[in-house]
Amino acid sequence: MEKQFLTEENYQKGNRVFKTISLVILIVALVAGGGLIALGAVKQNEAGKINEERAAAAEAEAEQNVAAARARVAEIDQEVAELQTQHDAKEDECNSLDMMADGWYTQRVACQREVSELWSQISHLEMEKFELENKDYGVLYKTVGMEYYVVFYFVGGTVLLFGCVISLSMYLVTKRRALAAYHAQTHLPIIKEGVADVTPTVAQSAGTVAGSVAEGIAQGVKKERY
């Protein structure tokens, strides 16, 4: 007996295989695509926390630097005030030297040298104070680029999309008989109505043609008799 392949049992078996494969593809797509999207979200969250921690550390360091600068400015103001007092006293001493005394010029030069040294120290401290007051105390820190993890969303979304499309396509293959039956049921009434409208016209035309042929034959027979 010849083995039949196109049987209902084989058809149902093939449908079960296609349904199983489509379900496996869907599950793999959901797990892989969803996993990639979740991984991207986790990585972005971690990067955001790292950036926040680094920003907080940089801000704290900047505040410490500002506090240290302010303390140093206060010290400079005190040192400048003391040096200014010494400078003014030494300058008064230089101006009070007796020009008629022996060695006046030497004493004057030595005194002015001390005045210049004091003024140099004051100028140095004033310059340091200016730099401290105009310095940028912002601390630079390296951030983690969160945009690099967008690729996880793109790849995960692509896997989900293609997996769902392939799974749905394979599932629809198992429903081709039902779809064909639905298609026939929706179009059959229209076809029947068309046939019903066309059939009387065809019958009438056929009758007219048959009558014309019969009349022609009858006329031919009469001519032969005469």
C-alpha atoms as a PDB file:
ATOM      1  CA  MET A   1       0.000   0.000   0.000  1.00  0.00           C
ATOM      2  CA  GLU A   2       1.414   3.399  -1.010  1.00  0.00           C
ATOM      3  CA  LYS A   3       2.181   5.658   1.950  1.00  0.00           C
ATOM      4  CA  GLN A   4       0.221   8.919   2.002  1.00  0.00           C
ATOM      5  CA  PHE A   5       2.009  12.075   3.079  1.00  0.00           C
ATOM      6  CA  LEU A   6      -0.834  14.550   2.668  1.00  0.00           C
ATOM      7  CA  THR A   7      -2.877  13.403   5.628  1.00  0.00           C
ATOM      8  CA  GLU A   8      -4.652  15.303   8.370  1.00  0.00           C
ATOM      9  CA  GLU A   9      -2.309  13.810  10.956  1.00  0.00           C
ATOM     10  CA  ASN A  10       0.802  15.033   9.120  1.00  0.00           C
ATOM     11  CA  TYR A  11      -0.837  18.418   8.633  1.00  0.00           C
ATOM     12  CA  GLN A  12      -1.559  18.797  12.342  1.00  0.00           C
ATOM     13  CA  LYS A  13       1.921  17.530  13.212  1.00  0.00           C
ATOM     14  CA  GLY A  14       3.492  20.118  10.935  1.00  0.00           C
ATOM     15  CA  ASN A  15       1.357  22.824  12.504  1.00  0.00           C
ATOM     16  CA  ARG A  16       2.511  21.808  15.985  1.00  0.00           C
ATOM     17  CA  VAL A  17       6.148  21.987  14.857  1.00  0.00           C
ATOM     18  CA  PHE A  18       5.649  25.471  13.405  1.00  0.00           C
ATOM     19  CA  LYS A  19       3.841  26.650  16.547  1.00  0.00           C
ATOM     20  CA  THR A  20       6.637  25.315  18.751  1.00  0.00           C
ATOM     21  CA  ILE A  21       9.329  26.981  16.665  1.00  0.00           C
ATOM     22  CA  SER A  22       7.444  30.290  16.598  1.00  0.00           C
ATOM     23  CA  LEU A  23       6.998  30.139  20.385  1.00  0.00           C
ATOM     24  CA  VAL A  24      10.701  29.401  20.916  1.00  0.00           C
ATOM     25  CA  ILE A  25      11.692  32.291  18.647  1.00  0.00           C
ATOM     26  CA  LEU A  26       9.328  34.622  20.517  1.00  0.00           C
ATOM     27  CA  ILE A  27      10.699  33.574  23.914  1.00  0.00           C
ATOM     28  CA  VAL A  28      14.312  33.940  22.736  1.00  0.00           C
ATOM     29  CA  ALA A  29      13.543  37.384  21.282  1.00  0.00           C
ATOM     30  CA  LEU A  30      11.827  38.512  24.480  1.00  0.00           C
ATOM     31  CA  VAL A  31      14.627  37.231  26.706  1.00  0.00           C
ATOM     32  CA  ALA A  32      17.493  38.491  24.519  1.00  0.00           C
ATOM     33  CA  GLY A  33      15.939  41.806  23.507  1.00  0.00           C
ATOM     34  CA  GLY A  34      14.486  42.513  26.934  1.00  0.00           C
ATOM     35  CA  GLY A  35      17.779  41.521  28.553  1.00  0.00           C
ATOM     36  CA  LEU A  36      19.749  43.936  26.390  1.00  0.00           C
ATOM     37  CA  ILE A  37      17.312  46.769  27.094  1.00  0.00           C
ATOM     38  CA  ALA A  38      17.410  46.018  30.832  1.00  0.00           C
ATOM     39  CA  LEU A  39      21.215  45.875  30.749  1.00  0.00           C
ATOM     40  CA  GLY A  40      21.333  49.257  29.027  1.00  0.00           C
ATOM     41  CA  ALA A  41      19.034  50.720  31.688  1.00  0.00           C
ATOM     42  CA  VAL A  42      21.174  49.276  34.497  1.00  0.00           C
ATOM     43  CA  LYS A  43      24.387  50.569  32.927  1.00  0.00           C
ATOM     44  CA  GLN A  44      22.922  54.034  32.455  1.00  0.00           C
ATOM     45  CA  ASN A  45      21.708  54.045  36.057  1.00  0.00           C
ATOM     46  CA  GLU A  46      25.168  53.023  37.298  1.00  0.00           C
ATOM     47  CA  ALA A  47      26.808  55.689  35.127  1.00  0.00           C
ATOM     48  CA  GLY A  48      24.409  58.306  36.506  1.00  0.00           C
ATOM     49  CA  LYS A  49      25.249  57.356  40.090  1.00  0.00           C
ATOM     50  CA  ILE A  50      28.989  57.451  39.368  1.00  0.00           C
ATOM     51  CA  ASN A  51      28.667  60.901  37.794  1.00  0.00           C
ATOM     52  CA  GLU A  52      26.662  62.153  40.775  1.00  0.00           C
ATOM     53  CA  GLU A  53      29.271  60.829  43.222  1.00  0.00           C
ATOM     54  CA  ARG A  54      32.113  62.405  41.249  1.00  0.00           C
ATOM     55  CA  ALA A  55      30.246  65.704  41.021  1.00  0.00           C
ATOM     56  CA  ALA A  56      29.605  65.706  44.776  1.00  0.00           C
ATOM     57  CA  ALA A  57      33.275  64.905  45.490  1.00  0.00           C
ATOM     58  CA  ALA A  58      34.429  67.674  43.146  1.00  0.00           C
ATOM     59  CA  GLU A  59      32.050  70.162  44.759  1.00  0.00           C
ATOM     60  CA  ALA A  60      33.275  69.224  48.235  1.00  0.00           C
ATOM     61  CA  GLU A  61      36.896  69.605  47.134  1.00  0.00           C
ATOM     62  CA  ALA A  62      36.117  73.003  45.590  1.00  0.00           C
ATOM     63  CA  GLU A  63      34.498  74.166  48.830  1.00  0.00           C
ATOM     64  CA  GLN A  64      37.570  73.050  50.788  1.00  0.00           C
ATOM     65  CA  ASN A  65      39.826  74.952  48.385  1.00  0.00           C
ATOM     66  CA  VAL A  66      37.706  78.088  48.757  1.00  0.00           C
ATOM     67  CA  ALA A  67      37.770  77.823  52.543  1.00  0.00           C
ATOM     68  CA  ALA A  68      41.559  77.394  52.500  1.00  0.00           C
ATOM     69  CA  ALA A  69      41.915  80.387  50.180  1.00  0.00           C
ATOM     70  CA  ARG A  70      39.786  82.550  52.435  1.00  0.00           C
ATOM     71  CA  ALA A  71      41.867  81.558  55.460  1.00  0.00           C
ATOM     72  CA  ARG A  72      45.042  82.395  53.567  1.00  0.00           C
ATOM     73  CA  VAL A  73      43.620  85.784  52.487  1.00  0.00           C
ATOM     74  CA  ALA A  74      42.915  86.584  56.148  1.00  0.00           C
ATOM     75  CA  GLU A  75      46.495  85.666  57.053  1.00  0.00           C
ATOM     76  CA  ILE A  76      47.819  87.834  54.223  1.00  0.00           C
ATOM     77  CA  ASP A  77      45.778  90.819  55.398  1.00  0.00           C
ATOM     78  CA  GLN A  78      47.267  90.433  58.866  1.00  0.00           C
ATOM     79  CA  GLU A  79      50.831  90.049  57.538  1.00  0.00           C
ATOM     80  CA  VAL A  80      50.412  93.033  55.206  1.00  0.00           C
ATOM     81  CA  ALA A  81      49.156  95.173  58.071  1.00  0.00           C
ATOM     82  CA  GLU A  82      52.192  94.262  60.196  1.00  0.00           C
ATOM     83  CA  LEU A  83      54.621  94.813  57.320  1.00  0.00           C
ATOM     84  CA  GLN A  84      52.967  98.092  56.441  1.00  0.00           C
ATOM     85  CA  THR A  85      53.462  99.283  60.004  1.00  0.00           C
ATOM     86  CA  GLN A  86      57.142  98.267  59.864  1.00  0.00           C
ATOM     87  CA  HIS A  87      57.495  99.895  56.463  1.00  0.00           C
ATOM     88  CA  ASP A  88      56.037 103.181  57.616  1.00  0.00           C
ATOM     89  CA  ALA A  89      58.195 103.194  60.753  1.00  0.00           C
ATOM     90  CA  LYS A  90      61.348 102.430  58.787  1.00  0.00           C
ATOM     91  CA  GLU A  91      60.502 105.116  56.229  1.00  0.00           C
ATOM     92  CA  ASP A  92      60.047 107.639  59.019  1.00  0.00           C
ATOM     93  CA  GLU A  93      63.396 106.557  60.421  1.00  0.00           C
ATOM     94  CA  CYS A  94      65.048 107.082  57.043  1.00  0.00           C
ATOM     95  CA  ASN A  95      63.536 110.525  56.726  1.00  0.00           C
ATOM     96  CA  SER A  96      64.695 111.495  60.230  1.00  0.00           C
ATOM     97  CA  LEU A  97      68.395 110.808  59.594  1.00  0.00           C
ATOM     98  CA  ASP A  98      70.615 113.835  60.074  1.00  0.00           C
ATOM     99  CA  MET A  99      72.089 114.858  56.776  1.00  0.00           C
ATOM    100  CA  MET A 100      74.945 116.650  58.547  1.00  0.00           C
ATOM    101  CA  ALA A 101      76.058 113.541  60.456  1.00  0.00           C
ATOM    102  CA  ASP A 102      79.004 111.486  59.395  1.00  0.00           C
ATOM    103  CA  GLY A 103      78.070 108.481  57.282  1.00  0.00           C
ATOM    104  CA  TRP A 104      74.640 109.870  56.537  1.00  0.00           C
ATOM    105  CA  TYR A 105      74.610 108.668  52.979  1.00  0.00           C
ATOM    106  CA  THR A 106      75.608 105.134  53.926  1.00  0.00           C
ATOM    107  CA  GLN A 107      72.959 105.008  56.610  1.00  0.00           C
ATOM    108  CA  ARG A 108      70.396 106.427  54.199  1.00  0.00           C
ATOM    109  CA  VAL A 109      71.138 103.792  51.583  1.00  0.00           C
ATOM    110  CA  ALA A 110      70.966 100.973  54.123  1.00  0.00           C
ATOM    111  CA  CYS A 111      67.696 102.289  55.526  1.00  0.00           C
ATOM    112  CA  GLN A 112      66.137 102.656  52.110  1.00  0.00           C
ATOM    113  CA  ARG A 113      67.203  99.135  51.259  1.00  0.00           C
ATOM    114  CA  GLU A 114      65.260  97.860  54.285  1.00  0.00           C
ATOM    115  CA  VAL A 115      62.248  99.949  53.235  1.00  0.00           C
ATOM    116  CA  SER A 116      62.407  98.453  49.745  1.00  0.00           C
ATOM    117  CA  GLU A 117      62.604  94.930  51.133  1.00  0.00           C
ATOM    118  CA  LEU A 118      59.563  95.547  53.286  1.00  0.00           C
ATOM    119  CA  TRP A 119      57.665  97.008  50.307  1.00  0.00           C
ATOM    120  CA  SER A 120      58.694  94.047  48.183  1.00  0.00           C
ATOM    121  CA  GLN A 121      57.232  91.662  50.756  1.00  0.00           C
ATOM    122  CA  ILE A 122      54.018  93.684  50.868  1.00  0.00           C
ATOM    123  CA  SER A 123      53.768  93.670  47.066  1.00  0.00           C
ATOM    124  CA  HIS A 124      54.349  89.921  46.956  1.00  0.00           C
ATOM    125  CA  LEU A 125      51.616  89.325  49.512  1.00  0.00           C
ATOM    126  CA  GLU A 126      49.213  91.662  47.676  1.00  0.00           C
ATOM    127  CA  MET A 127      49.853  89.773  44.447  1.00  0.00           C
ATOM    128  CA  GLU A 128      49.207  86.461  46.205  1.00  0.00           C
ATOM    129  CA  LYS A 129      45.975  87.852  47.634  1.00  0.00           C
ATOM    130  CA  PHE A 130      44.848  89.009  44.177  1.00  0.00           C
ATOM    131  CA  GLU A 131      45.500  85.567  42.687  1.00  0.00           C
ATOM    132  CA  LEU A 132      43.643  83.866  45.512  1.00  0.00           C
ATOM    133  CA  GLU A 133      40.621  86.134  45.147  1.00  0.00           C
ATOM    134  CA  ASN A 134      40.420  85.707  41.364  1.00  0.00           C
ATOM    135  CA  LYS A 135      41.272  82.030  41.079  1.00  0.00           C
ATOM    136  CA  ASP A 136      38.783  79.544  39.671  1.00  0.00           C
ATOM    137  CA  TYR A 137      38.285  76.883  42.336  1.00  0.00           C
ATOM    138  CA  GLY A 138      36.118  74.628  40.197  1.00  0.00           C
ATOM    139  CA  VAL A 139      37.398  71.043  40.197  1.00  0.00           C
ATOM    140  CA  LEU A 140      37.373  69.110  36.953  1.00  0.00           C
ATOM    141  CA  TYR A 141      36.256  65.494  37.063  1.00  0.00           C
ATOM    142  CA  LYS A 142      35.815  62.798  34.472  1.00  0.00           C
ATOM    143  CA  THR A 143      32.254  61.760  33.702  1.00  0.00           C
ATOM    144  CA  VAL A 144      31.010  58.431  32.403  1.00  0.00           C
ATOM    145  CA  GLY A 145      29.315  58.854  29.017  1.00  0.00           C
ATOM    146  CA  MET A 146      25.702  57.646  29.376  1.00  0.00           C
ATOM    147  CA  GLU A 147      25.096  57.935  25.628  1.00  0.00           C
ATOM    148  CA  TYR A 148      27.336  54.935  24.991  1.00  0.00           C
ATOM    149  CA  TYR A 149      24.688  52.632  26.445  1.00  0.00           C
ATOM    150  CA  VAL A 150      22.003  53.675  23.939  1.00  0.00           C
ATOM    151  CA  VAL A 151      23.316  50.909  21.666  1.00  0.00           C
ATOM    152  CA  PHE A 152      21.833  48.378  24.109  1.00  0.00           C
ATOM    153  CA  TYR A 153      18.373  49.848  23.534  1.00  0.00           C
ATOM    154  CA  PHE A 154      18.846  49.836  19.767  1.00  0.00           C
ATOM    155  CA  VAL A 155      20.093  46.246  19.564  1.00  0.00           C
ATOM    156  CA  GLY A 156      17.524  45.007  22.076  1.00  0.00           C
ATOM    157  CA  GLY A 157      14.671  46.718  20.242  1.00  0.00           C
ATOM    158  CA  THR A 158      15.859  45.300  16.915  1.00  0.00           C
ATOM    159  CA  VAL A 159      16.021  41.769  18.328  1.00  0.00           C
ATOM    160  CA  LEU A 160      12.531  42.140  19.772  1.00  0.00           C
ATOM    161  CA  LEU A 161      11.094  43.508  16.529  1.00  0.00           C
ATOM    162  CA  PHE A 162      12.572  40.887  14.225  1.00  0.00           C
ATOM    163  CA  GLY A 163      11.853  38.075  16.680  1.00  0.00           C
ATOM    164  CA  CYS A 164       8.184  39.065  16.945  1.00  0.00           C
ATOM    165  CA  VAL A 165       7.838  39.445  13.170  1.00  0.00           C
ATOM    166  CA  ILE A 166       9.393  36.042  12.464  1.00  0.00           C
ATOM    167  CA  SER A 167       7.399  34.356  15.238  1.00  0.00           C
ATOM    168  CA  LEU A 168       4.136  35.902  14.015  1.00  0.00           C
ATOM    169  CA  SER A 169       4.877  34.900  10.421  1.00  0.00           C
ATOM    170  CA  MET A 170       5.480  31.289  11.408  1.00  0.00           C
ATOM    171  CA  TYR A 171       2.363  31.250  13.573  1.00  0.00           C
ATOM    172  CA  LEU A 172       0.246  32.552  10.687  1.00  0.00           C
ATOM    173  CA  VAL A 173       1.504  29.655   8.588  1.00  0.00           C
ATOM    174  CA  THR A 174      -0.247  27.295  11.011  1.00  0.00           C
ATOM    175  CA  LYS A 175      -3.460  29.274  10.526  1.00  0.00           C
ATOM    176  CA  ARG A 176      -3.448  29.258   6.733  1.00  0.00           C
ATOM    177  CA  ARG A 177      -6.346  26.769   6.573  1.00  0.00           C
ATOM    178  CA  ALA A 178      -8.492  28.899   8.878  1.00  0.00           C
ATOM    179  CA  LEU A 179      -7.550  32.046   6.950  1.00  0.00           C
ATOM    180  CA  ALA A 180      -8.401  30.354   3.659  1.00  0.00           C
ATOM    181  CA  ALA A 181     -11.760  29.237   5.060  1.00  0.00           C
ATOM    182  CA  TYR A 182     -12.496  32.746   6.304  1.00  0.00           C
ATOM    183  CA  HIS A 183     -11.535  34.185   2.943  1.00  0.00           C
ATOM    184  CA  ALA A 184     -13.848  31.749   1.167  1.00  0.00           C
ATOM    185  CA  GLN A 185     -16.718  32.473   3.561  1.00  0.00           C
ATOM    186  CA  THR A 186     -16.423  36.219   3.090  1.00  0.00           C
ATOM    187  CA  HIS A 187     -16.203  36.065  -0.729  1.00  0.00           C
ATOM    188  CA  LEU A 188     -18.542  33.141  -1.516  1.00  0.00           C
ATOM    189  CA  PRO A 189     -21.836  35.078  -1.069  1.00  0.00           C
ATOM    190  CA  ILE A 190     -20.590  37.748  -3.468  1.00  0.00           C
ATOM    191  CA  ILE A 191     -19.582  35.119  -6.006  1.00  0.00           C
ATOM    192  CA  LYS A 192     -22.975  33.381  -5.685  1.00  0.00           C
ATOM    193  CA  GLU A 193     -24.840  36.645  -6.263  1.00  0.00           C
ATOM    194  CA  GLY A 194     -22.713  37.346  -9.323  1.00  0.00           C
ATOM    195  CA  VAL A 195     -23.381  33.902 -10.738  1.00  0.00           C
ATOM    196  CA  ALA A 196     -27.110  34.268 -10.080  1.00  0.00           C
ATOM    197  CA  ASP A 197     -27.127  37.573 -11.963  1.00  0.00           C
ATOM    198  CA  VAL A 198     -25.095  36.274 -14.839  1.00  0.00           C
ATOM    199  CA  THR A 199     -26.819  32.860 -15.291  1.00  0.00           C
ATOM    200  CA  PRO A 200     -30.211  34.096 -16.673  1.00  0.00           C
ATOM    201  CA  THR A 201     -28.468  36.312 -19.172  1.00  0.00           C
ATOM    202  CA  VAL A 202     -26.259  33.468 -20.304  1.00  0.00           C
ATOM    203  CA  ALA A 203     -29.265  31.132 -20.612  1.00  0.00           C
ATOM    204  CA  GLN A 204     -31.213  33.705 -22.601  1.00  0.00           C
ATOM    205  CA  SER A 205     -28.286  34.289 -24.923  1.00  0.00           C
ATOM    206  CA  ALA A 206     -27.826  30.564 -25.390  1.00  0.00           C
ATOM    207  CA  GLY A 207     -31.544  30.194 -26.230  1.00  0.00           C
ATOM    208  CA  THR A 208     -31.357  33.008 -28.767  1.00  0.00           C
ATOM    209  CA  VAL A 209     -28.324  31.500 -30.427  1.00  0.00           C
ATOM    210  CA  ALA A 210     -29.947  28.035 -30.486  1.00  0.00           C
ATOM    211  CA  GLY A 211     -33.138  29.449 -32.012  1.00  0.00           C
ATOM    212  CA  SER A 212     -31.197  31.257 -34.716  1.00  0.00           C
ATOM    213  CA  VAL A 213     -29.266  28.133 -35.570  1.00  0.00           C
ATOM    214  CA  ALA A 214     -32.479  26.033 -35.710  1.00  0.00           C
ATOM    215  CA  GLU A 215     -34.181  28.602 -37.945  1.00  0.00           C
ATOM    216  CA  GLY A 216     -31.218  28.636 -40.285  1.00  0.00           C
ATOM    217  CA  ILE A 217     -31.231  24.885 -40.552  1.00  0.00           C
ATOM    218  CA  ALA A 218     -34.994  24.822 -41.271  1.00  0.00           C
ATOM    219  CA  GLN A 219     -34.649  27.393 -44.056  1.00  0.00           C
ATOM    220  CA  GLY A 220     -31.877  25.348 -45.595  1.00  0.00           C
ATOM    221  CA  VAL A 221     -34.014  22.233 -45.649  1.00  0.00           C
ATOM    222  CA  LYS A 222     -36.927  24.103 -47.344  1.00  0.00           C
ATOM    223  CA  LYS A 223     -34.660  25.373 -50.124  1.00  0.00           C
ATOM    224  CA  GLU A 224     -33.422  21.912 -50.854  1.00  0.00           C
ATOM    225  CA  ARG A 225     -37.008  20.626 -51.234  1.00  0.00           C
ATOM    226  CA  TYR A 226     -37.923  23.250 -53.776  1.00  0.00           C
END
